[in-house]
Protein backbone atom coordinates (compact mmCIF):
# COMPACT_ATOMS: atom_id res chain seq x y z
CA MET A 1 27.35 94.90 -63.89
CA GLU A 2 29.15 96.14 -60.81
CA TYR A 3 32.34 94.30 -61.82
CA ALA A 4 32.19 95.82 -65.30
CA ALA A 5 31.62 99.30 -63.88
CA VAL A 6 34.49 99.08 -61.38
CA ASN A 7 36.89 97.70 -64.00
CA GLU A 8 35.75 100.10 -66.77
CA LEU A 9 34.61 97.26 -69.03
CA VAL A 10 31.93 97.36 -71.72
CA ILE A 11 29.15 94.77 -71.65
CA VAL A 12 28.19 93.34 -75.05
CA SER A 13 24.92 91.43 -75.04
CA ALA A 14 21.74 90.67 -76.94
CA ASP A 15 19.84 90.75 -73.64
CA THR A 16 17.88 94.00 -73.29
CA ASP A 17 17.78 93.55 -69.51
CA PHE A 18 21.16 95.28 -69.29
CA GLY A 19 19.71 98.42 -70.84
CA GLU A 20 16.70 98.26 -68.55
CA LEU A 21 18.95 97.89 -65.50
CA LEU A 22 20.87 101.01 -66.51
CA ALA A 23 17.63 102.89 -67.06
CA VAL A 24 16.42 102.17 -63.52
CA SER A 25 19.78 102.94 -61.91
CA PRO A 26 19.57 106.68 -61.22
CA GLY A 27 22.72 108.51 -62.22
CA ALA A 28 24.55 105.37 -63.45
CA VAL A 29 27.29 106.28 -65.93
CA ARG A 30 28.99 102.87 -65.96
CA PRO A 31 29.23 100.30 -67.33
CA SER A 32 28.68 101.07 -70.97
CA VAL A 33 26.50 98.51 -72.72
CA VAL A 34 26.37 97.47 -76.37
CA LEU A 35 23.11 95.75 -77.29
CA LEU A 36 23.14 93.57 -80.38
CA ARG A 37 19.62 93.76 -81.75
CA SER A 38 18.17 90.77 -83.63
CA ALA A 39 21.33 88.83 -82.78
CA ASP A 40 19.37 85.58 -82.87
CA HIS A 41 19.09 86.06 -86.64
CA LEU A 42 22.87 86.36 -87.06
CA THR A 43 25.61 83.79 -86.96
CA PRO A 44 28.43 84.37 -84.47
CA ASP A 45 30.67 85.47 -87.36
CA GLN A 46 28.03 87.97 -88.50
CA GLN A 47 27.67 89.28 -84.93
CA ALA A 48 31.44 89.76 -84.68
CA ALA A 49 31.55 91.54 -88.06
CA LEU A 50 28.68 93.83 -87.03
CA LEU A 51 30.51 94.75 -83.82
CA ALA A 52 33.85 95.26 -85.57
CA ALA A 53 32.24 97.49 -88.19
CA ASN A 54 30.49 99.72 -85.63
CA LEU A 55 32.71 99.89 -82.55
CA PRO A 56 35.13 102.50 -83.97
CA ALA A 57 32.20 104.87 -84.49
CA VAL A 58 31.10 104.63 -80.84
CA ALA A 59 34.43 104.19 -79.04
CA ASP A 60 34.47 107.69 -77.52
CA GLU A 61 30.90 107.37 -76.25
CA LEU A 62 31.64 103.97 -74.70
CA LYS A 63 34.61 105.47 -72.84
CA THR A 64 32.44 108.16 -71.27
CA GLY A 65 29.40 105.93 -70.63
CA ALA A 66 26.76 104.98 -73.15
CA LEU A 67 24.04 102.54 -74.07
CA VAL A 68 24.60 101.59 -77.71
CA SER A 69 22.13 99.60 -79.77
CA ILE A 70 23.49 98.01 -82.95
CA ALA A 71 21.48 96.26 -85.65
CA ARG A 72 22.03 95.81 -89.35
CA GLY A 73 21.68 99.27 -90.86
CA ARG A 74 20.94 100.96 -87.52
CA LEU A 75 23.04 102.45 -84.74
CA ARG A 76 21.59 104.22 -81.71
CA ILE A 77 23.59 105.88 -78.94
CA ARG A 78 22.24 107.09 -75.60
CA SER A 79 24.66 108.75 -73.23
CA LEU A 80 24.58 107.65 -69.62
CA PRO A 81 22.92 108.28 -67.32
CA VAL A 82 19.74 107.31 -69.16
CA ARG A 83 17.12 109.99 -68.67
CA PRO A 84 13.41 109.30 -69.00
CA ALA A 85 11.76 110.54 -72.18
CA ASP A 86 9.75 113.75 -71.80
């Protein structure tokens, strides 16, 4: 994660640990993370298509720091740093 933050890269993963790591890193605004939800139910081609279809809609948020969750028919964006729910 440090490498991605320093080099302004976006992490794309189906592993929710990346989101949890951002949530427990106070004030972290990098790296942006895209979580593919239910990716184990999609073929690699379907995963790529899902990303390609949704990335333009979240490009600005990813540039400024965001945790993006993508699933079929659902898109959720949380700006970084992640703040605890009230």
